[in-house]
Amino acid sequence: MNNKKVLMDISWSNKGGIGRFTDEISKLLCDISKEELYRKCASPLAPLGLAVNIFLRKKTDVVFLPGYIPPLFCSKKFII
């Protein structure tokens, strides 16, 4: 079986409705890595910041982004 390394962005944690969704899903997905990819997740620069931070994660295959802002470009597969 081909196991993919999944990373969940928890930047939205404790920030409104998306934060609640992020917190609840992260409790259920206990077998994946969780990391704050971009602190200012609602910023106009967030798409660029996400893209750079995702690119720097060399050992990640798939990124789960629970927010509504996609990266400007992406070197990996991602789920929104």
C-alpha atoms as a PDB file:
ATOM      1  CA  MET A   1       0.000   0.000   0.000  1.00  0.00           C
ATOM      2  CA  ASN A   2       1.242   3.488  -0.879  1.00  0.00           C
ATOM      3  CA  ASN A   3       1.039   5.666   2.237  1.00  0.00           C
ATOM      4  CA  LYS A   4       0.966   9.387   1.561  1.00  0.00           C
ATOM      5  CA  LYS A   5       2.315  11.906   4.049  1.00  0.00           C
ATOM      6  CA  VAL A   6      -0.561  14.330   4.730  1.00  0.00           C
ATOM      7  CA  LEU A   7      -0.145  17.720   6.383  1.00  0.00           C
ATOM      8  CA  MET A   8      -3.097  19.700   7.760  1.00  0.00           C
ATOM      9  CA  ASP A   9      -2.847  23.480   7.954  1.00  0.00           C
ATOM     10  CA  ILE A  10      -4.143  24.610  11.351  1.00  0.00           C
ATOM     11  CA  SER A  11      -3.647  28.347  10.749  1.00  0.00           C
ATOM     12  CA  TRP A  12      -7.406  28.942  11.124  1.00  0.00           C
ATOM     13  CA  SER A  13      -7.588  27.254  14.538  1.00  0.00           C
ATOM     14  CA  ASN A  14      -9.657  29.271  17.068  1.00  0.00           C
ATOM     15  CA  LYS A  15     -10.674  31.822  14.413  1.00  0.00           C
ATOM     16  CA  GLY A  16     -14.437  31.832  13.879  1.00  0.00           C
ATOM     17  CA  GLY A  17     -16.404  29.202  11.987  1.00  0.00           C
ATOM     18  CA  ILE A  18     -13.493  27.952   9.908  1.00  0.00           C
ATOM     19  CA  GLY A  19     -11.478  27.723  13.109  1.00  0.00           C
ATOM     20  CA  ARG A  20     -14.147  25.575  14.718  1.00  0.00           C
ATOM     21  CA  PHE A  21     -14.189  23.316  11.647  1.00  0.00           C
ATOM     22  CA  THR A  22     -10.374  23.138  11.747  1.00  0.00           C
ATOM     23  CA  ASP A  23     -10.340  22.236  15.441  1.00  0.00           C
ATOM     24  CA  GLU A  24     -13.014  19.538  15.131  1.00  0.00           C
ATOM     25  CA  ILE A  25     -11.483  17.910  12.036  1.00  0.00           C
ATOM     26  CA  SER A  26      -7.978  17.975  13.523  1.00  0.00           C
ATOM     27  CA  LYS A  27      -9.265  16.023  16.544  1.00  0.00           C
ATOM     28  CA  LEU A  28     -10.598  13.307  14.228  1.00  0.00           C
ATOM     29  CA  LEU A  29      -7.571  13.112  11.932  1.00  0.00           C
ATOM     30  CA  CYS A  30      -5.063  11.969  14.521  1.00  0.00           C
ATOM     31  CA  ASP A  31      -2.730  10.130  12.092  1.00  0.00           C
ATOM     32  CA  ILE A  32      -1.685  13.179  10.067  1.00  0.00           C
ATOM     33  CA  SER A  33       0.773  15.997  10.741  1.00  0.00           C
ATOM     34  CA  LYS A  34      -0.631  19.372  11.743  1.00  0.00           C
ATOM     35  CA  GLU A  35       1.178  22.668  11.346  1.00  0.00           C
ATOM     36  CA  GLU A  36       0.429  26.384  11.116  1.00  0.00           C
ATOM     37  CA  LEU A  37       1.507  27.167   7.551  1.00  0.00           C
ATOM     38  CA  TYR A  38       0.766  30.909   7.468  1.00  0.00           C
ATOM     39  CA  ARG A  39      -0.092  32.908  10.576  1.00  0.00           C
ATOM     40  CA  LYS A  40      -2.070  35.687   8.840  1.00  0.00           C
ATOM     41  CA  CYS A  41      -4.442  33.290   7.091  1.00  0.00           C
ATOM     42  CA  ALA A  42      -6.956  35.967   5.934  1.00  0.00           C
ATOM     43  CA  SER A  43      -4.280  38.348   4.636  1.00  0.00           C
ATOM     44  CA  PRO A  44      -4.096  39.325   0.937  1.00  0.00           C
ATOM     45  CA  LEU A  45      -0.593  37.809   1.014  1.00  0.00           C
ATOM     46  CA  ALA A  46      -1.849  34.464   2.334  1.00  0.00           C
ATOM     47  CA  PRO A  47      -1.915  32.737  -1.102  1.00  0.00           C
ATOM     48  CA  LEU A  48       1.762  33.548  -1.629  1.00  0.00           C
ATOM     49  CA  GLY A  49       2.727  32.675   1.956  1.00  0.00           C
ATOM     50  CA  LEU A  50       0.919  29.342   1.729  1.00  0.00           C
ATOM     51  CA  ALA A  51       2.598  28.530  -1.588  1.00  0.00           C
ATOM     52  CA  VAL A  52       6.081  29.189  -0.221  1.00  0.00           C
ATOM     53  CA  ASN A  53       5.480  27.278   3.015  1.00  0.00           C
ATOM     54  CA  ILE A  54       3.994  24.291   1.187  1.00  0.00           C
ATOM     55  CA  PHE A  55       6.980  24.257  -1.173  1.00  0.00           C
ATOM     56  CA  LEU A  56       9.357  24.112   1.811  1.00  0.00           C
ATOM     57  CA  ARG A  57       7.662  20.975   3.192  1.00  0.00           C
ATOM     58  CA  LYS A  58       9.782  18.440   1.287  1.00  0.00           C
ATOM     59  CA  LYS A  59       8.452  15.322   3.038  1.00  0.00           C
ATOM     60  CA  THR A  60       4.765  16.142   2.518  1.00  0.00           C
ATOM     61  CA  ASP A  61       2.741  14.581  -0.314  1.00  0.00           C
ATOM     62  CA  VAL A  62      -0.707  16.133   0.227  1.00  0.00           C
ATOM     63  CA  VAL A  63      -1.776  19.283   2.088  1.00  0.00           C
ATOM     64  CA  PHE A  64      -5.243  19.696   3.643  1.00  0.00           C
ATOM     65  CA  LEU A  65      -6.278  23.370   3.806  1.00  0.00           C
ATOM     66  CA  PRO A  66      -9.531  23.762   5.774  1.00  0.00           C
ATOM     67  CA  GLY A  67      -9.782  27.481   4.925  1.00  0.00           C
ATOM     68  CA  TYR A  68     -11.194  29.015   1.761  1.00  0.00           C
ATOM     69  CA  ILE A  69      -7.992  30.658   0.475  1.00  0.00           C
ATOM     70  CA  PRO A  70      -5.965  28.476  -1.922  1.00  0.00           C
ATOM     71  CA  PRO A  71      -2.219  28.878  -2.430  1.00  0.00           C
ATOM     72  CA  LEU A  72      -1.126  31.084  -5.343  1.00  0.00           C
ATOM     73  CA  PHE A  73       0.696  28.083  -6.830  1.00  0.00           C
ATOM     74  CA  CYS A  74       1.367  24.686  -5.365  1.00  0.00           C
ATOM     75  CA  SER A  75       4.156  22.158  -5.718  1.00  0.00           C
ATOM     76  CA  LYS A  76       2.019  19.452  -4.075  1.00  0.00           C
ATOM     77  CA  LYS A  77      -1.508  18.159  -4.268  1.00  0.00           C
ATOM     78  CA  PHE A  78      -3.872  19.923  -1.906  1.00  0.00           C
ATOM     79  CA  ILE A  79      -7.421  19.627  -0.580  1.00  0.00           C
ATOM     80  CA  ILE A  80      -9.559  22.651   0.290  1.00  0.00           C
END
